[in-house]
Protein backbone atom coordinates (compact mmCIF):
# COMPACT_ATOMS: atom_id res chain seq x y z
CA MET A 1 0.05 0.00 0.03
CA LYS A 2 0.97 3.67 -0.33
CA VAL A 3 1.74 5.66 2.76
CA GLU A 4 1.86 9.51 2.70
CA ILE A 5 4.47 11.51 4.41
CA ILE A 6 2.97 14.67 5.99
CA MET A 7 4.99 17.77 6.83
CA PRO A 8 4.94 17.66 10.70
CA GLN A 9 4.00 20.52 12.85
CA MET A 10 7.16 21.05 14.99
CA GLY A 11 5.29 23.24 17.52
CA GLU A 12 2.13 25.10 18.14
CA SER A 13 3.45 28.35 16.66
CA ILE A 14 5.01 26.69 13.54
CA ALA A 15 2.88 27.08 10.39
CA GLU A 16 5.43 26.15 7.76
CA ALA A 17 8.84 24.53 7.19
CA THR A 18 11.52 24.57 4.60
CA ILE A 19 12.80 21.37 3.00
CA ILE A 20 16.57 21.50 3.37
CA LYS A 21 17.57 18.20 1.92
CA TRP A 22 16.16 14.90 0.77
CA PHE A 23 18.32 11.92 1.70
CA LYS A 24 16.44 9.64 -0.60
CA ARG A 25 15.26 9.95 -4.15
CA PRO A 26 12.07 8.49 -5.83
CA GLY A 27 12.76 4.87 -6.56
CA ASP A 28 15.07 4.41 -3.53
CA GLN A 29 14.44 1.89 -0.88
CA VAL A 30 13.94 3.28 2.61
CA LEU A 31 13.72 1.60 6.01
CA LYS A 32 11.43 2.46 8.92
CA ASP A 33 12.93 5.14 11.11
CA GLU A 34 15.69 5.83 8.49
CA ILE A 35 16.25 9.58 8.09
CA LEU A 36 14.22 10.69 4.94
CA LEU A 37 14.74 14.41 4.86
CA GLU A 38 15.87 17.44 6.79
CA ILE A 39 13.57 20.35 7.37
CA SER A 40 14.06 23.78 8.93
CA THR A 41 11.72 26.21 10.70
CA ASP A 42 12.57 29.69 12.09
CA LYS A 43 13.39 27.96 15.36
CA VAL A 44 15.12 24.55 14.73
CA ASP A 45 16.45 22.19 12.03
CA SER A 46 15.08 18.65 12.28
CA GLU A 47 15.68 15.29 10.65
CA ILE A 48 12.52 13.48 9.73
CA PRO A 49 12.45 9.63 9.79
CA SER A 50 10.51 7.47 7.45
CA PRO A 51 7.28 6.05 9.13
CA SER A 52 7.51 2.85 7.14
CA SER A 53 9.82 0.59 5.11
CA GLY A 54 9.35 0.45 1.41
CA LEU A 55 10.00 2.29 -1.89
CA LEU A 56 10.05 6.08 -1.95
CA TYR A 57 7.41 6.34 -4.68
CA ASP A 58 7.24 10.12 -5.21
CA VAL A 59 8.07 13.43 -3.55
CA PHE A 60 5.86 16.47 -4.08
CA PHE A 61 8.23 19.23 -3.11
CA ASP A 62 11.90 19.85 -3.89
CA ALA A 63 14.72 21.02 -1.58
CA GLY A 64 14.39 24.76 -0.83
CA GLU A 65 10.64 24.87 -1.03
CA VAL A 66 8.53 26.17 1.90
CA VAL A 67 5.67 23.80 2.73
CA PRO A 68 2.68 24.44 5.10
CA VAL A 69 2.50 22.00 7.94
CA LYS A 70 0.24 18.99 7.60
CA THR A 71 0.71 18.97 3.87
CA PRO A 72 1.52 15.72 2.02
CA ILE A 73 5.18 15.90 0.87
CA ALA A 74 5.94 12.33 -0.34
CA VAL A 75 4.58 8.83 -0.77
CA ILE A 76 6.16 5.55 0.24
CA GLU A 77 4.94 2.27 -1.23
CA THR A 78 5.16 -0.60 1.25
CA ASN A 79 4.74 -4.26 0.95
CA GLU A 80 1.76 -4.29 3.29
CA THR A 81 -1.61 -5.30 2.01
CA ASN A 82 -3.92 -2.49 1.39
CA THR A 83 -7.15 -3.08 3.27
CA ALA A 84 -10.16 -0.88 3.30
CA ASP A 85 -9.17 0.50 6.67
CA GLN A 86 -5.60 1.16 5.45
CA GLU A 87 -6.52 2.73 2.07
CA LEU A 88 -5.10 6.16 1.60
CA ALA A 89 -7.93 8.61 1.27
CA ALA A 90 -8.37 12.32 1.84
CA PRO A 91 -8.05 13.07 5.60
CA ALA A 92 -11.32 13.20 7.49
CA SER A 93 -10.75 16.53 8.90
CA ALA A 94 -8.95 19.70 7.95
CA GLU A 95 -6.82 19.31 11.11
CA GLN A 96 -5.17 16.15 9.63
CA ALA A 97 -4.13 17.75 6.37
CA PRO A 98 -5.11 20.72 4.38
CA ALA A 99 -7.57 20.06 1.55
CA TYR A 100 -6.62 21.09 -1.93
CA ASP A 101 -9.32 23.30 -3.44
CA PRO A 102 -7.86 24.79 -6.66
CA PRO A 103 -10.04 27.28 -8.53
CA THR A 104 -12.05 26.11 -11.54
CA GLN A 105 -11.26 27.33 -15.04
CA THR A 106 -12.66 27.36 -18.55
CA ALA A 107 -12.10 24.68 -21.20
CA ALA A 108 -10.10 27.14 -23.20
CA ALA A 109 -7.77 27.83 -20.33
CA LEU A 110 -7.15 24.12 -19.91
CA GLU A 111 -5.57 24.11 -23.33
CA GLU A 112 -2.97 26.66 -22.33
CA PRO A 113 0.62 25.29 -21.88
CA LEU A 114 2.06 25.30 -18.39
CA VAL A 115 4.74 27.84 -19.46
CA SER A 116 3.37 30.95 -21.14
CA SER A 117 5.09 34.15 -22.39
CA SER A 118 2.27 36.08 -20.64
CA SER A 119 2.97 37.50 -17.23
CA THR A 120 -0.40 36.10 -16.06
CA PRO A 121 0.16 32.81 -14.07
CA PRO A 122 -1.54 29.70 -15.48
CA VAL A 123 -4.89 28.67 -13.98
CA PHE A 124 -4.76 25.09 -12.66
CA SER A 125 -7.20 22.37 -13.54
CA ASN A 126 -9.30 20.56 -10.90
CA ARG A 127 -6.81 17.79 -10.59
CA PHE A 128 -3.97 18.30 -8.09
CA TYR A 129 -0.44 18.45 -9.45
CA SER A 130 2.67 18.55 -7.29
CA PRO A 131 5.26 21.26 -8.03
CA LEU A 132 7.74 18.64 -9.35
CA VAL A 133 5.05 17.32 -11.78
CA LYS A 134 4.25 20.89 -12.98
CA ASN A 135 7.83 21.81 -13.44
CA LEU A 136 8.47 18.66 -15.37
CA ALA A 137 5.52 19.26 -17.51
CA ALA A 138 6.42 22.81 -18.19
CA LYS A 139 9.95 21.68 -19.35
CA TYR A 140 8.34 19.49 -21.96
CA ALA A 141 5.52 21.89 -22.84
CA ILE A 142 2.76 19.58 -21.79
CA THR A 143 -0.64 21.28 -21.33
CA PHE A 144 -3.00 20.80 -18.46
CA SER A 145 -5.59 19.08 -20.73
CA GLU A 146 -2.83 16.61 -21.78
CA LEU A 147 -1.93 16.06 -18.12
CA ASP A 148 -5.48 15.31 -17.32
CA MET A 149 -5.51 12.43 -19.73
CA ILE A 150 -2.43 10.67 -18.22
CA PRO A 151 -3.48 7.91 -15.76
CA GLY A 152 -2.03 8.43 -12.26
CA SER A 153 -0.92 5.91 -9.76
CA GLY A 154 -0.93 8.12 -6.68
CA GLN A 155 -3.59 8.69 -4.07
CA GLY A 156 -6.98 9.15 -5.66
CA GLY A 157 -5.51 8.90 -9.15
CA ARG A 158 -2.96 11.57 -8.54
CA LEU A 159 -0.27 11.90 -11.21
CA THR A 160 3.22 11.26 -9.88
CA LYS A 161 6.63 12.26 -11.22
CA LEU A 162 7.26 8.59 -12.24
CA ASP A 163 3.94 8.47 -14.13
CA LEU A 164 4.86 11.53 -16.09
CA LEU A 165 8.42 10.36 -16.78
CA ASN A 166 7.09 7.08 -18.09
CA TYR A 167 4.64 9.02 -20.33
CA ILE A 168 7.32 11.28 -21.63
CA GLN A 169 9.59 8.32 -22.37
CA ARG A 170 6.80 6.50 -24.32
CA ASP A 171 6.04 9.80 -26.28
CA ARG A 172 9.82 10.32 -26.85
CA ARG A 173 9.50 13.99 -26.13
CA THR A 174 12.40 16.39 -25.97
CA PRO A 175 12.53 19.41 -23.70
CA SER A 176 10.95 22.61 -25.12
CA ALA A 177 13.52 25.22 -26.03
CA THR A 178 11.18 27.95 -25.02
CA SER A 179 10.30 26.44 -21.67
CA ALA A 180 13.80 26.02 -20.36
CA PRO A 181 14.03 27.36 -16.80
CA GLU A 182 15.94 30.49 -16.17
CA PRO A 183 19.27 30.13 -14.41
CA ALA A 184 19.39 30.67 -10.69
CA HIS A 185 20.01 34.25 -9.67
CA LEU A 186 23.64 34.69 -8.78
CA PRO A 187 25.48 37.64 -7.21
CA ALA A 188 26.33 40.44 -9.62
CA LEU A 189 29.99 39.72 -10.45
CA ASN A 190 32.43 40.51 -13.21
CA ASP A 191 32.74 38.57 -16.43
CA ASN A 192 35.47 36.15 -15.43
CA ARG A 193 33.29 34.14 -13.12
CA ARG A 194 32.93 30.42 -13.28
CA ILE A 195 30.78 27.72 -11.61
CA VAL A 196 32.56 25.42 -9.22
CA ASP A 197 31.34 21.86 -8.59
CA THR A 198 29.60 21.77 -5.22
CA PRO A 199 27.00 19.68 -3.40
CA SER A 200 23.53 20.13 -4.81
CA SER A 201 22.48 22.20 -1.84
CA GLN A 202 24.99 25.02 -2.73
CA ILE A 203 26.15 27.02 -5.77
CA GLN A 204 29.57 28.68 -5.58
CA VAL A 205 30.64 31.40 -7.96
CA SER A 206 34.45 32.03 -8.29
CA VAL A 207 35.76 35.39 -9.24
CA GLY A 208 39.58 35.41 -9.60
CA GLU A 209 40.78 34.34 -6.19
CA SER A 210 37.41 34.93 -4.43
CA THR A 211 34.41 32.62 -4.09
CA ALA A 212 30.84 33.59 -3.25
CA ILE A 213 28.77 31.03 -1.50
CA PRO A 214 25.03 31.46 -0.84
CA MET A 215 24.02 31.38 2.77
CA ASP A 216 22.22 28.27 3.96
CA HIS A 217 18.87 28.41 5.62
CA MET A 218 20.27 28.53 9.19
CA ARG A 219 22.80 31.16 8.29
CA LYS A 220 20.07 33.42 6.78
CA ILE A 221 18.05 33.21 10.03
CA ILE A 222 21.15 33.94 12.16
CA SER A 223 21.97 36.90 9.89
CA GLU A 224 18.44 38.25 10.14
CA ARG A 225 18.18 37.89 13.89
CA MET A 226 21.61 39.47 14.63
CA LEU A 227 20.89 42.48 12.45
CA HIS A 228 17.55 42.78 14.03
CA SER A 229 19.01 42.68 17.51
CA LEU A 230 21.65 45.31 16.80
CA GLN A 231 18.86 47.51 15.39
CA THR A 232 16.64 46.93 18.45
CA SER A 233 18.80 47.00 21.52
CA ALA A 234 21.24 49.64 22.80
CA HIS A 235 24.22 47.15 23.25
CA VAL A 236 26.71 47.98 25.97
CA HIS A 237 29.38 45.58 27.34
CA SER A 238 30.89 45.26 30.74
CA ILE A 239 33.80 42.84 31.64
CA HIS A 240 34.75 41.34 34.96
CA GLU A 241 37.60 38.96 35.81
CA VAL A 242 36.84 35.97 38.08
CA ASP A 243 39.03 33.66 39.93
CA MET A 244 37.85 30.01 39.20
CA THR A 245 40.49 28.26 41.26
CA LYS A 246 38.16 26.86 43.85
CA VAL A 247 35.49 25.76 41.33
CA SER A 248 38.32 24.05 39.33
CA ARG A 249 39.60 22.22 42.42
CA TRP A 250 36.07 21.08 43.49
CA ARG A 251 35.35 19.90 39.91
CA ALA A 252 38.68 17.90 39.80
CA ASP A 253 37.75 16.14 43.09
CA TYR A 254 34.34 14.98 41.86
CA LEU A 255 35.12 14.55 38.10
CA ASP A 256 35.52 10.74 38.21
CA GLU A 257 32.59 10.17 40.52
CA PHE A 258 30.32 12.30 38.47
CA GLN A 259 31.23 10.61 35.23
CA ALA A 260 30.77 7.18 36.73
CA ARG A 261 27.35 8.01 38.00
CA GLU A 262 25.97 10.26 35.12
CA GLY A 263 27.81 8.79 32.19
CA PHE A 264 29.42 12.09 30.97
CA ARG A 265 32.06 14.58 32.08
CA ILE A 266 30.90 17.77 33.75
CA ASN A 267 32.43 20.87 32.17
CA PHE A 268 32.53 24.36 33.60
CA THR A 269 29.34 25.61 31.91
CA PRO A 270 26.88 24.29 34.59
CA PHE A 271 28.78 26.26 37.28
CA PHE A 272 28.15 29.44 35.37
CA LEU A 273 24.57 28.46 34.73
CA GLU A 274 24.06 27.96 38.50
CA ALA A 275 25.68 31.32 39.34
CA ALA A 276 23.66 33.07 36.69
CA ALA A 277 20.34 31.65 37.89
CA LYS A 278 21.14 32.86 41.46
CA ALA A 279 22.23 36.28 40.14
CA LEU A 280 19.11 36.78 38.08
CA LEU A 281 16.92 36.27 41.07
CA GLU A 282 18.77 39.13 42.78
CA PHE A 283 18.73 41.32 39.64
CA PRO A 284 15.36 40.63 37.94
CA TYR A 285 15.72 43.50 35.49
CA LEU A 286 18.28 41.35 33.63
CA ASN A 287 15.64 38.60 33.47
CA SER A 288 13.11 40.77 31.62
CA THR A 289 11.89 41.87 28.22
CA ILE A 290 10.70 45.24 26.87
CA GLU A 291 7.29 45.46 25.41
CA GLY A 292 6.46 48.99 24.12
CA ASP A 293 7.16 51.23 27.02
CA MET A 294 6.67 48.47 29.63
CA ILE A 295 9.44 46.41 31.41
CA VAL A 296 8.16 42.83 31.78
CA LEU A 297 9.87 41.00 34.63
CA ARG A 298 9.84 37.27 34.09
CA ARG A 299 8.72 34.96 36.84
CA HIS A 300 11.05 32.12 36.06
CA VAL A 301 14.70 31.96 34.99
CA ASN A 302 14.80 30.25 31.53
CA LEU A 303 18.41 29.98 30.65
CA GLY A 304 19.36 29.77 26.95
CA CYS A 305 22.64 27.94 26.30
CA ALA A 306 24.40 28.57 22.99
CA VAL A 307 25.41 25.31 21.27
CA ALA A 308 27.76 25.36 18.34
CA LEU A 309 26.74 22.99 15.54
CA GLU A 310 29.08 20.89 13.44
CA GLY A 311 30.18 22.61 10.38
CA ASN A 312 28.39 25.95 10.67
CA GLY A 313 25.76 27.77 12.77
CA LEU A 314 24.56 27.53 16.41
CA ILE A 315 21.34 26.95 18.21
CA VAL A 316 20.26 28.05 21.71
CA PRO A 317 18.19 25.41 23.61
CA VAL A 318 16.63 26.59 26.85
CA ILE A 319 16.70 25.14 30.36
CA LYS A 320 13.32 26.09 31.81
CA LYS A 321 13.00 27.11 35.47
CA ALA A 322 16.78 26.94 35.97
CA GLU A 323 16.38 28.55 39.37
CA GLU A 324 14.76 25.29 40.65
CA LYS A 325 17.63 23.01 39.53
CA ASN A 326 20.86 22.21 41.38
CA LEU A 327 24.23 21.78 39.68
CA VAL A 328 23.74 18.18 38.74
CA GLY A 329 20.35 18.87 37.30
CA LEU A 330 21.61 21.74 35.18
CA ALA A 331 24.45 19.56 33.98
CA ARG A 332 22.10 16.73 33.05
CA GLN A 333 19.76 18.97 31.02
CA LEU A 334 22.61 20.88 29.39
CA ASN A 335 24.14 17.60 28.22
CA ASP A 336 20.76 16.31 26.97
CA LEU A 337 19.87 19.50 25.18
CA GLY A 338 23.34 19.80 23.59
CA HIS A 339 23.39 16.25 22.40
CA ARG A 340 20.00 16.47 20.76
CA ALA A 341 20.78 19.97 19.32
CA ARG A 342 23.89 18.51 17.58
CA HIS A 343 21.71 15.65 16.27
CA LYS A 344 18.93 17.91 15.07
CA SER A 345 16.35 16.31 17.33
CA LEU A 346 15.18 19.27 19.35
CA SER A 347 11.59 20.42 19.30
CA PRO A 348 10.85 24.18 18.74
CA ASP A 349 9.49 24.44 22.28
CA GLU A 350 12.96 23.62 23.62
CA THR A 351 14.42 26.71 21.98
CA ALA A 352 11.65 29.07 22.97
CA GLY A 353 10.86 31.08 26.07
CA GLY A 354 14.47 31.98 26.98
CA THR A 355 14.91 34.95 29.48
CA PHE A 356 18.69 35.12 29.59
CA THR A 357 21.51 33.48 27.56
CA VAL A 358 24.88 32.12 28.50
CA THR A 359 27.47 31.39 25.82
CA ASN A 360 30.77 29.64 26.70
CA ALA A 361 33.23 30.86 24.13
CA GLY A 362 36.18 29.81 26.20
CA GLY A 363 35.85 26.22 24.97
CA PHE A 364 37.18 27.54 21.63
CA GLY A 365 40.05 29.51 23.20
CA THR A 366 38.30 32.91 23.28
CA LEU A 367 39.53 35.12 26.11
CA ILE A 368 36.89 37.86 25.81
CA GLY A 369 33.75 37.98 23.67
CA THR A 370 31.15 40.68 23.11
CA PRO A 371 28.05 38.65 22.00
CA ILE A 372 24.86 40.06 20.55
CA ILE A 373 21.72 39.92 22.69
CA ASN A 374 19.26 37.13 21.87
CA GLN A 375 15.91 38.95 21.36
CA PRO A 376 13.58 39.69 23.07
CA GLN A 377 16.03 39.29 26.03
CA VAL A 378 17.94 42.23 27.49
CA ALA A 379 21.32 40.51 28.29
CA ILE A 380 23.68 37.78 27.46
CA LEU A 381 26.76 36.44 29.32
CA CYS A 382 29.86 35.38 27.56
CA VAL A 383 32.34 33.07 29.41
CA GLY A 384 35.93 33.32 28.38
CA ARG A 385 38.67 30.73 28.48
CA ILE A 386 39.85 29.57 31.93
CA GLN A 387 43.64 29.72 32.15
CA LYS A 388 46.30 29.92 34.81
CA ARG A 389 47.83 33.39 35.26
CA PRO A 390 49.95 35.12 37.82
CA VAL A 391 47.78 37.22 40.21
CA VAL A 392 48.66 39.48 43.05
CA ILE A 393 47.01 38.35 46.29
CA ASP A 394 47.78 40.26 49.54
CA ASP A 395 50.91 41.70 47.84
CA LEU A 396 52.12 38.17 47.03
CA LEU A 397 52.31 36.75 43.54
CA GLY A 398 50.32 33.50 42.98
CA ILE A 399 49.16 31.31 40.12
CA ARG A 400 45.36 31.28 39.87
CA GLU A 401 42.86 29.91 37.26
CA MET A 402 41.28 33.01 35.90
CA CYS A 403 38.74 33.85 33.22
CA TYR A 404 36.89 36.85 31.93
CA LEU A 405 33.01 37.31 32.05
CA THR A 406 31.49 39.69 29.49
CA LEU A 407 27.91 40.98 30.00
CA SER A 408 26.28 42.38 26.93
CA TYR A 409 23.11 44.29 27.97
CA ASP A 410 20.44 46.60 26.67
CA HIS A 411 21.22 50.10 27.88
CA ARG A 412 17.63 51.14 27.45
CA ILE A 413 16.77 49.63 30.89
CA ILE A 414 20.09 48.42 32.33
CA ASP A 415 22.71 50.84 33.51
CA GLY A 416 26.37 50.35 34.05
CA MET A 417 25.95 50.19 37.78
CA MET A 418 23.41 47.39 37.69
CA ALA A 419 25.58 45.44 35.23
CA GLY A 420 28.62 45.84 37.44
CA ARG A 421 26.77 44.66 40.51
CA PHE A 422 25.35 41.64 38.52
CA LEU A 423 28.84 40.67 37.41
CA SER A 424 30.23 41.17 40.96
CA PHE A 425 27.59 38.80 42.31
CA LEU A 426 28.60 36.20 39.74
CA SER A 427 32.30 36.60 40.54
CA ASN A 428 31.73 36.36 44.32
CA TYR A 429 29.51 33.32 43.99
CA LEU A 430 32.17 31.41 41.96
CA GLU A 431 35.20 32.69 43.83
CA HIS A 432 33.70 31.64 47.16
CA TRP A 433 32.75 28.17 46.08
CA ASP A 434 32.52 25.88 49.12
CA LEU A 435 35.09 23.12 48.72
CA SER A 436 33.31 20.96 51.25
CA ARG A 437 30.09 21.08 49.30
CA PRO A 438 28.84 17.52 48.43
CA LEU A 439 28.25 16.48 44.77
CA TYR A 440 24.73 15.21 45.53
């Protein structure tokens, strides 16, 4: 029987998603739970597994297309017997999948080819055709009336790409010279440009010794959000130096026990998360948002934790109600969210609702960073690299494990005095870490 793949709704506020990549092509065998495609919303990228084993019979949308949620995007043909209860039919309600209700048209309009020199878009027939089918038909100058006569093997007699390819092969058609698609728009460059072989998801244009590479979907979103933040918030930065010697010693004492019990190593980030959660309770203005001319103080501390993704980009999953969690609880959730973020298995809800963000740039060797605020928040904390440095203590020179903390904040509601006190609270909390504190 044939099983439809539906564009999933990755969260209550998600109305559409962009198909980033198909890992299978029509005609390929696919196993149940094997990754079929990758999609992206304005919150997360996700890999979508196949619900069944079988043959990928047809796909209705190509990579790069934006698809409404709950829309059929592909069909898998399985070896299961198609019973009356299993038969693929139109969903019983609009909540399961949107109904296609294309406008009616005259008989004369049906004879028009899919590609016309007129600027007026073609009017579709009452039969549904996927974008892939329509593009292929346009390439071979096949009219709607001709399409209507081709038997379809899809749901309800729907014409699939394979049906049309078989028809074209039997008819021995050649592509229409007038219907060839226009080349993809590329950056305006000088005449010595050349196309470089790249994966199908990217086009590179070389100009002399330079190469122009289009942004991927995630980078476009990051670009838009960073620019929006700079245009929204009055960014100011304050930097404090903190002595992490006691925290480092305590962590070293419990490192093996923690890993034996929890199954992963505890890094320094959970210590900064705990300190930030305590500090935000003392300084609620840094745990707020601006709505018009109102300052909205958030009841809970929802800490966003920036996670770098392999290759390119980053994502900020959120630890909800961080003020209610201890160090081990924060470490557990950070490890879980980070792991699933890197494997593209986060839900949009797990990246929403943050009230303050912590980014640990020290893991990449950065001493001091000045991050951009994650809207609609009003502050973000950057943790620098922890390194041993000579420090003067009571007129004596000693070796201490030091790092820089940078607070980027919105000067519209946070002044330098409040930012300084917030950073001082963080520093004191970490520098006076209780070495006799138990792990659990």
